[in-house]
Amino acid sequence: MYKELEKFTVKGNFTFAQEDNLESVCNAPDNASGVFIVYAIEAGAKELIMAGSTGTVQNDGTLKSKNGGLYDKIVNGHQFAKTGRKYSWPAQMKKENIETLEVYWFETFNDAVKSIPTSIEGQVLQNFLDENGKLPRWNIAF
């Protein structure tokens, strides 16, 4: 796990297989903002394939969050075919022969901690780039 994520105490994770219903298995809160990272599990190996975030910090230091929070961003956020992940993830997993996804989510902005979600996402991506010379494969535009 990435060190910039260690300080967040409101967090969780779930697994998602091609035949699962993402709306059912996603346990991220619908009233929180933060980041999520996705690992592909293929032949016993675990690879970070994307990082995402939701929530915008305003000039006055308050958080502007979209309705549905992390849950909605993970389940209904657009990816690949400009359609919600609940549809695009299973299709992409089948295309790439990915057995399972492990999704980890972190609430990065609340009363206890105030970290800008896009900044934390950027730190995770920067560390991945530094280590691998490229971005995670699902962070690249298709």
N, C-alpha and C. Protein backbone atom coordinates (compact mmCIF):
# COMPACT_ATOMS: atom_id res chain seq x y z
N MET A 1 0.85 -1.18 0.00
CA MET A 1 0.00 0.00 0.00
C MET A 1 0.89 1.24 0.00
N TYR A 2 0.38 2.29 -0.50
CA TYR A 2 1.16 3.52 -0.62
C TYR A 2 1.16 4.29 0.70
N LYS A 3 2.33 4.83 1.08
CA LYS A 3 2.49 5.47 2.38
C LYS A 3 1.60 6.68 2.57
N GLU A 4 1.27 7.39 1.50
CA GLU A 4 0.41 8.57 1.64
C GLU A 4 -1.01 8.20 2.04
N LEU A 5 -1.35 6.92 1.99
CA LEU A 5 -2.69 6.47 2.36
C LEU A 5 -2.77 5.98 3.80
N GLU A 6 -1.62 5.79 4.44
CA GLU A 6 -1.58 5.20 5.77
C GLU A 6 -2.25 6.04 6.84
N LYS A 7 -2.28 7.37 6.69
CA LYS A 7 -2.82 8.24 7.73
C LYS A 7 -4.34 8.28 7.78
N PHE A 8 -5.00 7.72 6.78
CA PHE A 8 -6.45 7.79 6.73
C PHE A 8 -7.07 6.62 7.50
N THR A 9 -7.91 6.95 8.48
CA THR A 9 -8.49 5.93 9.34
C THR A 9 -9.88 5.50 8.87
N VAL A 10 -10.57 6.35 8.10
CA VAL A 10 -11.86 5.96 7.54
C VAL A 10 -11.57 5.38 6.17
N LYS A 11 -11.64 4.05 6.08
CA LYS A 11 -11.23 3.37 4.86
C LYS A 11 -11.91 2.01 4.78
N GLY A 12 -11.78 1.39 3.62
CA GLY A 12 -12.35 0.07 3.46
C GLY A 12 -11.91 -0.52 2.14
N ASN A 13 -12.37 -1.72 1.87
CA ASN A 13 -12.04 -2.37 0.61
C ASN A 13 -13.08 -3.42 0.29
N PHE A 14 -13.10 -3.83 -0.97
CA PHE A 14 -13.97 -4.90 -1.41
C PHE A 14 -13.36 -5.54 -2.65
N THR A 15 -13.81 -6.75 -2.96
CA THR A 15 -13.36 -7.41 -4.18
C THR A 15 -14.53 -7.44 -5.16
N PHE A 16 -14.17 -7.47 -6.44
CA PHE A 16 -15.16 -7.46 -7.50
C PHE A 16 -14.73 -8.43 -8.59
N ALA A 17 -15.58 -9.40 -8.88
CA ALA A 17 -15.34 -10.36 -9.96
C ALA A 17 -16.27 -10.01 -11.12
N GLN A 18 -15.94 -10.50 -12.31
CA GLN A 18 -16.72 -10.17 -13.51
C GLN A 18 -18.22 -10.42 -13.34
N GLU A 19 -18.58 -11.49 -12.65
CA GLU A 19 -19.99 -11.84 -12.52
C GLU A 19 -20.69 -11.10 -11.37
N ASP A 20 -19.95 -10.32 -10.58
CA ASP A 20 -20.54 -9.58 -9.46
C ASP A 20 -21.31 -8.36 -9.95
N ASN A 21 -22.17 -7.86 -9.08
CA ASN A 21 -22.88 -6.62 -9.31
C ASN A 21 -22.14 -5.55 -8.51
N LEU A 22 -21.51 -4.59 -9.20
CA LEU A 22 -20.70 -3.58 -8.53
C LEU A 22 -21.52 -2.77 -7.53
N GLU A 23 -22.78 -2.51 -7.85
CA GLU A 23 -23.65 -1.77 -6.93
C GLU A 23 -23.83 -2.53 -5.61
N SER A 24 -23.81 -3.84 -5.66
CA SER A 24 -24.01 -4.66 -4.47
C SER A 24 -22.74 -4.84 -3.64
N VAL A 25 -21.60 -5.02 -4.31
CA VAL A 25 -20.37 -5.33 -3.56
C VAL A 25 -19.63 -4.09 -3.08
N CYS A 26 -19.86 -2.93 -3.70
CA CYS A 26 -19.15 -1.70 -3.30
C CYS A 26 -19.62 -1.27 -1.92
N ASN A 27 -18.68 -1.16 -1.00
CA ASN A 27 -19.01 -0.75 0.37
C ASN A 27 -18.49 0.65 0.71
N ALA A 28 -18.11 1.41 -0.31
CA ALA A 28 -17.65 2.78 -0.08
C ALA A 28 -18.83 3.65 0.34
N PRO A 29 -18.60 4.66 1.17
CA PRO A 29 -19.69 5.51 1.64
C PRO A 29 -20.21 6.42 0.53
N ASP A 30 -21.51 6.72 0.62
CA ASP A 30 -22.12 7.61 -0.36
C ASP A 30 -22.15 9.06 0.10
N ASN A 31 -21.53 9.31 1.26
CA ASN A 31 -21.52 10.67 1.80
C ASN A 31 -20.11 11.13 2.15
N ALA A 32 -19.11 10.56 1.49
CA ALA A 32 -17.71 10.88 1.79
C ALA A 32 -16.94 11.12 0.51
N SER A 33 -15.91 11.93 0.62
CA SER A 33 -15.01 12.19 -0.51
C SER A 33 -13.63 11.64 -0.19
N GLY A 34 -12.89 11.32 -1.25
CA GLY A 34 -11.56 10.78 -1.04
C GLY A 34 -11.02 10.13 -2.29
N VAL A 35 -10.22 9.09 -2.08
CA VAL A 35 -9.56 8.41 -3.20
C VAL A 35 -9.89 6.92 -3.16
N PHE A 36 -9.75 6.30 -4.33
CA PHE A 36 -9.86 4.85 -4.41
C PHE A 36 -8.77 4.35 -5.34
N ILE A 37 -8.25 3.18 -5.01
CA ILE A 37 -7.23 2.56 -5.85
C ILE A 37 -7.69 1.15 -6.18
N VAL A 38 -7.34 0.71 -7.39
CA VAL A 38 -7.84 -0.56 -7.91
C VAL A 38 -6.67 -1.44 -8.31
N TYR A 39 -6.69 -2.66 -7.80
CA TYR A 39 -5.68 -3.66 -8.14
C TYR A 39 -6.34 -4.76 -8.97
N ALA A 40 -5.65 -5.24 -9.97
CA ALA A 40 -6.07 -6.43 -10.73
C ALA A 40 -5.39 -7.63 -10.10
N ILE A 41 -6.16 -8.71 -9.94
CA ILE A 41 -5.61 -9.97 -9.45
C ILE A 41 -5.63 -10.92 -10.65
N GLU A 42 -4.44 -11.27 -11.12
CA GLU A 42 -4.31 -12.13 -12.29
C GLU A 42 -3.27 -13.20 -11.99
N ALA A 43 -3.67 -14.45 -12.06
CA ALA A 43 -2.77 -15.58 -11.81
C ALA A 43 -2.00 -15.42 -10.50
N GLY A 44 -2.71 -14.96 -9.47
CA GLY A 44 -2.11 -14.80 -8.16
C GLY A 44 -1.29 -13.54 -7.97
N ALA A 45 -1.05 -12.78 -9.04
CA ALA A 45 -0.28 -11.54 -8.95
C ALA A 45 -1.24 -10.36 -8.75
N LYS A 46 -0.77 -9.35 -8.04
CA LYS A 46 -1.57 -8.17 -7.73
C LYS A 46 -0.88 -6.96 -8.35
N GLU A 47 -1.61 -6.22 -9.19
CA GLU A 47 -1.04 -5.06 -9.89
C GLU A 47 -1.97 -3.86 -9.75
N LEU A 48 -1.41 -2.72 -9.35
CA LEU A 48 -2.19 -1.48 -9.31
C LEU A 48 -2.51 -1.09 -10.74
N ILE A 49 -3.82 -0.95 -11.05
CA ILE A 49 -4.20 -0.61 -12.42
C ILE A 49 -4.88 0.75 -12.53
N MET A 50 -5.30 1.35 -11.40
CA MET A 50 -5.85 2.70 -11.48
C MET A 50 -5.99 3.33 -10.11
N ALA A 51 -6.03 4.66 -10.12
CA ALA A 51 -6.34 5.45 -8.94
C ALA A 51 -7.34 6.51 -9.37
N GLY A 52 -8.28 6.82 -8.49
CA GLY A 52 -9.28 7.84 -8.77
C GLY A 52 -9.62 8.60 -7.51
N SER A 53 -10.37 9.68 -7.67
CA SER A 53 -10.75 10.50 -6.52
C SER A 53 -12.06 11.22 -6.79
N THR A 54 -12.65 11.72 -5.73
CA THR A 54 -13.85 12.54 -5.82
C THR A 54 -13.86 13.55 -4.68
N GLY A 55 -14.39 14.73 -4.96
CA GLY A 55 -14.46 15.80 -3.98
C GLY A 55 -13.48 16.92 -4.31
N THR A 56 -13.95 18.15 -4.18
CA THR A 56 -13.13 19.33 -4.50
C THR A 56 -13.10 20.27 -3.30
N VAL A 57 -11.91 20.68 -2.90
CA VAL A 57 -11.78 21.63 -1.81
C VAL A 57 -11.92 23.04 -2.38
N GLN A 58 -12.80 23.83 -1.76
CA GLN A 58 -13.09 25.19 -2.19
C GLN A 58 -12.05 26.17 -1.60
N ASN A 59 -12.02 27.38 -2.11
CA ASN A 59 -11.09 28.40 -1.62
C ASN A 59 -11.25 28.67 -0.13
N ASP A 60 -12.46 28.54 0.39
CA ASP A 60 -12.68 28.81 1.81
C ASP A 60 -12.35 27.62 2.70
N GLY A 61 -11.81 26.55 2.11
CA GLY A 61 -11.40 25.39 2.89
C GLY A 61 -12.48 24.35 3.10
N THR A 62 -13.67 24.59 2.56
CA THR A 62 -14.73 23.60 2.69
C THR A 62 -14.66 22.63 1.52
N LEU A 63 -15.34 21.54 1.67
CA LEU A 63 -15.34 20.50 0.65
C LEU A 63 -16.63 20.57 -0.15
N LYS A 64 -16.48 20.56 -1.45
CA LYS A 64 -17.63 20.43 -2.35
C LYS A 64 -17.62 19.00 -2.84
N SER A 65 -18.66 18.26 -2.48
CA SER A 65 -18.70 16.86 -2.90
C SER A 65 -19.94 16.62 -3.74
N LYS A 66 -19.80 15.69 -4.65
CA LYS A 66 -20.93 15.32 -5.50
C LYS A 66 -21.84 14.38 -4.73
N ASN A 67 -23.11 14.42 -5.07
CA ASN A 67 -24.06 13.48 -4.47
C ASN A 67 -23.61 12.06 -4.76
N GLY A 68 -23.65 11.23 -3.76
CA GLY A 68 -23.26 9.85 -3.94
C GLY A 68 -21.84 9.53 -3.51
N GLY A 69 -21.01 10.57 -3.32
CA GLY A 69 -19.67 10.40 -2.79
C GLY A 69 -18.82 9.35 -3.47
N LEU A 70 -17.97 8.69 -2.69
CA LEU A 70 -17.07 7.67 -3.20
C LEU A 70 -17.84 6.52 -3.85
N TYR A 71 -18.95 6.14 -3.24
CA TYR A 71 -19.74 5.04 -3.80
C TYR A 71 -20.14 5.34 -5.25
N ASP A 72 -20.73 6.49 -5.47
CA ASP A 72 -21.20 6.84 -6.80
C ASP A 72 -20.05 6.98 -7.80
N LYS A 73 -18.94 7.54 -7.36
CA LYS A 73 -17.78 7.69 -8.25
C LYS A 73 -17.26 6.32 -8.70
N ILE A 74 -17.20 5.37 -7.77
CA ILE A 74 -16.71 4.04 -8.11
C ILE A 74 -17.72 3.30 -9.01
N VAL A 75 -18.98 3.32 -8.65
CA VAL A 75 -19.99 2.52 -9.36
C VAL A 75 -20.43 3.16 -10.68
N ASN A 76 -20.66 4.46 -10.67
CA ASN A 76 -21.25 5.12 -11.84
C ASN A 76 -20.30 6.04 -12.59
N GLY A 77 -19.09 6.23 -12.07
CA GLY A 77 -18.12 7.06 -12.77
C GLY A 77 -17.82 6.48 -14.14
N HIS A 78 -17.63 7.34 -15.11
CA HIS A 78 -17.41 6.88 -16.49
C HIS A 78 -15.97 6.44 -16.69
N GLN A 79 -15.83 5.37 -17.44
CA GLN A 79 -14.51 4.86 -17.79
C GLN A 79 -14.62 3.98 -19.03
N PHE A 80 -13.65 4.07 -19.88
CA PHE A 80 -13.56 3.29 -21.12
C PHE A 80 -14.58 3.74 -22.16
N ALA A 81 -15.81 3.30 -22.09
CA ALA A 81 -16.78 3.58 -23.15
C ALA A 81 -17.75 4.71 -22.78
N LYS A 82 -17.30 5.63 -21.94
CA LYS A 82 -18.16 6.73 -21.48
C LYS A 82 -19.45 6.19 -20.86
N THR A 83 -19.30 5.11 -20.12
CA THR A 83 -20.42 4.51 -19.42
C THR A 83 -19.97 4.17 -17.99
N GLY A 84 -20.91 3.98 -17.10
CA GLY A 84 -20.59 3.71 -15.71
C GLY A 84 -19.73 2.48 -15.52
N ARG A 85 -18.90 2.53 -14.49
CA ARG A 85 -18.00 1.42 -14.21
C ARG A 85 -18.75 0.12 -13.93
N LYS A 86 -19.98 0.21 -13.43
CA LYS A 86 -20.74 -1.01 -13.18
C LYS A 86 -20.94 -1.81 -14.47
N TYR A 87 -20.85 -1.14 -15.62
CA TYR A 87 -20.94 -1.81 -16.91
C TYR A 87 -19.56 -2.00 -17.55
N SER A 88 -18.73 -0.96 -17.47
CA SER A 88 -17.45 -1.00 -18.21
C SER A 88 -16.40 -1.89 -17.54
N TRP A 89 -16.39 -1.95 -16.21
CA TRP A 89 -15.39 -2.80 -15.55
C TRP A 89 -15.54 -4.27 -15.91
N PRO A 90 -16.72 -4.88 -15.83
CA PRO A 90 -16.81 -6.30 -16.20
C PRO A 90 -16.39 -6.55 -17.65
N ALA A 91 -16.77 -5.66 -18.54
CA ALA A 91 -16.39 -5.83 -19.96
C ALA A 91 -14.89 -5.75 -20.13
N GLN A 92 -14.25 -4.78 -19.48
CA GLN A 92 -12.81 -4.61 -19.60
C GLN A 92 -12.07 -5.77 -18.93
N MET A 93 -12.59 -6.25 -17.81
CA MET A 93 -11.99 -7.40 -17.13
C MET A 93 -12.02 -8.63 -18.03
N LYS A 94 -13.13 -8.84 -18.71
CA LYS A 94 -13.25 -9.97 -19.63
C LYS A 94 -12.25 -9.82 -20.77
N LYS A 95 -12.16 -8.62 -21.31
CA LYS A 95 -11.25 -8.34 -22.42
C LYS A 95 -9.79 -8.61 -22.03
N GLU A 96 -9.42 -8.26 -20.79
CA GLU A 96 -8.04 -8.39 -20.32
C GLU A 96 -7.79 -9.68 -19.52
N ASN A 97 -8.78 -10.54 -19.40
CA ASN A 97 -8.65 -11.76 -18.61
C ASN A 97 -8.28 -11.49 -17.15
N ILE A 98 -8.90 -10.50 -16.56
CA ILE A 98 -8.67 -10.19 -15.15
C ILE A 98 -9.69 -10.97 -14.32
N GLU A 99 -9.19 -11.75 -13.38
CA GLU A 99 -10.04 -12.59 -12.54
C GLU A 99 -10.87 -11.75 -11.57
N THR A 100 -10.18 -10.90 -10.83
CA THR A 100 -10.79 -10.16 -9.74
C THR A 100 -10.14 -8.79 -9.62
N LEU A 101 -10.93 -7.82 -9.17
CA LEU A 101 -10.40 -6.52 -8.79
C LEU A 101 -10.47 -6.39 -7.27
N GLU A 102 -9.46 -5.79 -6.69
CA GLU A 102 -9.51 -5.39 -5.28
C GLU A 102 -9.54 -3.88 -5.28
N VAL A 103 -10.57 -3.32 -4.65
CA VAL A 103 -10.74 -1.88 -4.60
C VAL A 103 -10.59 -1.42 -3.16
N TYR A 104 -9.71 -0.45 -2.95
CA TYR A 104 -9.49 0.14 -1.63
C TYR A 104 -9.92 1.60 -1.71
N TRP A 105 -10.68 2.05 -0.72
CA TRP A 105 -11.12 3.44 -0.69
C TRP A 105 -10.72 4.09 0.64
N PHE A 106 -10.49 5.40 0.58
CA PHE A 106 -10.01 6.17 1.73
C PHE A 106 -10.73 7.50 1.76
N GLU A 107 -11.36 7.81 2.89
CA GLU A 107 -11.95 9.14 3.06
C GLU A 107 -10.81 10.08 3.46
N THR A 108 -10.51 11.05 2.60
CA THR A 108 -9.34 11.91 2.82
C THR A 108 -9.68 13.28 3.36
N PHE A 109 -10.97 13.61 3.45
CA PHE A 109 -11.36 14.94 3.91
C PHE A 109 -12.58 14.81 4.81
N ASN A 110 -12.35 15.03 6.12
CA ASN A 110 -13.44 15.00 7.10
C ASN A 110 -13.04 15.86 8.29
N ASP A 111 -13.72 15.72 9.41
CA ASP A 111 -13.40 16.54 10.59
C ASP A 111 -12.01 16.25 11.14
N ALA A 112 -11.53 15.02 10.99
CA ALA A 112 -10.25 14.62 11.57
C ALA A 112 -9.05 14.90 10.67
N VAL A 113 -9.24 14.84 9.36
CA VAL A 113 -8.13 15.02 8.42
C VAL A 113 -8.63 15.82 7.22
N LYS A 114 -7.78 16.69 6.70
CA LYS A 114 -8.18 17.54 5.58
C LYS A 114 -7.13 17.47 4.48
N SER A 115 -7.19 16.40 3.71
CA SER A 115 -6.28 16.21 2.58
C SER A 115 -7.09 16.28 1.29
N ILE A 116 -6.62 17.08 0.35
CA ILE A 116 -7.31 17.28 -0.92
C ILE A 116 -7.32 15.96 -1.70
N PRO A 117 -8.50 15.44 -2.03
CA PRO A 117 -8.56 14.14 -2.72
C PRO A 117 -7.72 14.06 -3.99
N THR A 118 -7.79 15.07 -4.85
CA THR A 118 -7.01 15.01 -6.10
C THR A 118 -5.51 15.07 -5.83
N SER A 119 -5.11 15.72 -4.74
CA SER A 119 -3.70 15.77 -4.39
C SER A 119 -3.20 14.39 -3.96
N ILE A 120 -3.98 13.69 -3.16
CA ILE A 120 -3.60 12.35 -2.71
C ILE A 120 -3.56 11.40 -3.91
N GLU A 121 -4.56 11.50 -4.79
CA GLU A 121 -4.56 10.69 -6.01
C GLU A 121 -3.29 10.96 -6.83
N GLY A 122 -2.93 12.24 -6.95
CA GLY A 122 -1.72 12.61 -7.69
C GLY A 122 -0.46 12.05 -7.07
N GLN A 123 -0.39 12.04 -5.73
CA GLN A 123 0.78 11.48 -5.05
C GLN A 123 0.91 9.98 -5.33
N VAL A 124 -0.21 9.26 -5.29
CA VAL A 124 -0.18 7.83 -5.57
C VAL A 124 0.30 7.59 -7.00
N LEU A 125 -0.27 8.37 -7.95
CA LEU A 125 0.12 8.21 -9.35
C LEU A 125 1.58 8.60 -9.58
N GLN A 126 2.05 9.65 -8.91
CA GLN A 126 3.44 10.06 -9.06
C GLN A 126 4.38 8.98 -8.56
N ASN A 127 4.06 8.38 -7.41
CA ASN A 127 4.90 7.31 -6.88
C ASN A 127 4.91 6.11 -7.81
N PHE A 128 3.75 5.79 -8.39
CA PHE A 128 3.69 4.68 -9.34
C PHE A 128 4.55 4.99 -10.57
N LEU A 129 4.44 6.22 -11.07
CA LEU A 129 5.23 6.64 -12.23
C LEU A 129 6.72 6.56 -11.91
N ASP A 130 7.12 7.04 -10.74
CA ASP A 130 8.53 6.99 -10.34
C ASP A 130 9.04 5.55 -10.29
N GLU A 131 8.20 4.64 -9.80
CA GLU A 131 8.62 3.24 -9.64
C GLU A 131 8.57 2.45 -10.95
N ASN A 132 7.65 2.82 -11.85
CA ASN A 132 7.39 1.99 -13.02
C ASN A 132 7.64 2.67 -14.37
N GLY A 133 7.87 3.98 -14.36
CA GLY A 133 8.13 4.70 -15.60
C GLY A 133 6.90 4.90 -16.47
N LYS A 134 5.72 4.61 -15.92
CA LYS A 134 4.46 4.77 -16.64
C LYS A 134 3.33 4.87 -15.62
N LEU A 135 2.14 5.25 -16.09
CA LEU A 135 0.97 5.29 -15.22
C LEU A 135 0.30 3.92 -15.21
N PRO A 136 -0.54 3.67 -14.18
CA PRO A 136 -1.30 2.42 -14.18
C PRO A 136 -2.14 2.31 -15.46
N ARG A 137 -2.29 1.09 -15.95
CA ARG A 137 -2.87 0.90 -17.28
C ARG A 137 -4.30 1.40 -17.44
N TRP A 138 -5.08 1.43 -16.37
CA TRP A 138 -6.46 1.94 -16.49
C TRP A 138 -6.53 3.44 -16.26
N ASN A 139 -5.44 4.10 -15.91
CA ASN A 139 -5.42 5.56 -15.81
C ASN A 139 -5.12 6.20 -17.15
N ILE A 140 -4.76 5.41 -18.11
CA ILE A 140 -4.43 5.93 -19.44
C ILE A 140 -5.72 6.00 -20.26
N ALA A 141 -5.92 7.10 -20.95
CA ALA A 141 -7.13 7.27 -21.75
C ALA A 141 -7.21 6.23 -22.86
N PHE A 142 -8.38 5.70 -23.06
CA PHE A 142 -8.62 4.71 -24.11
C PHE A 142 -9.24 5.37 -25.30
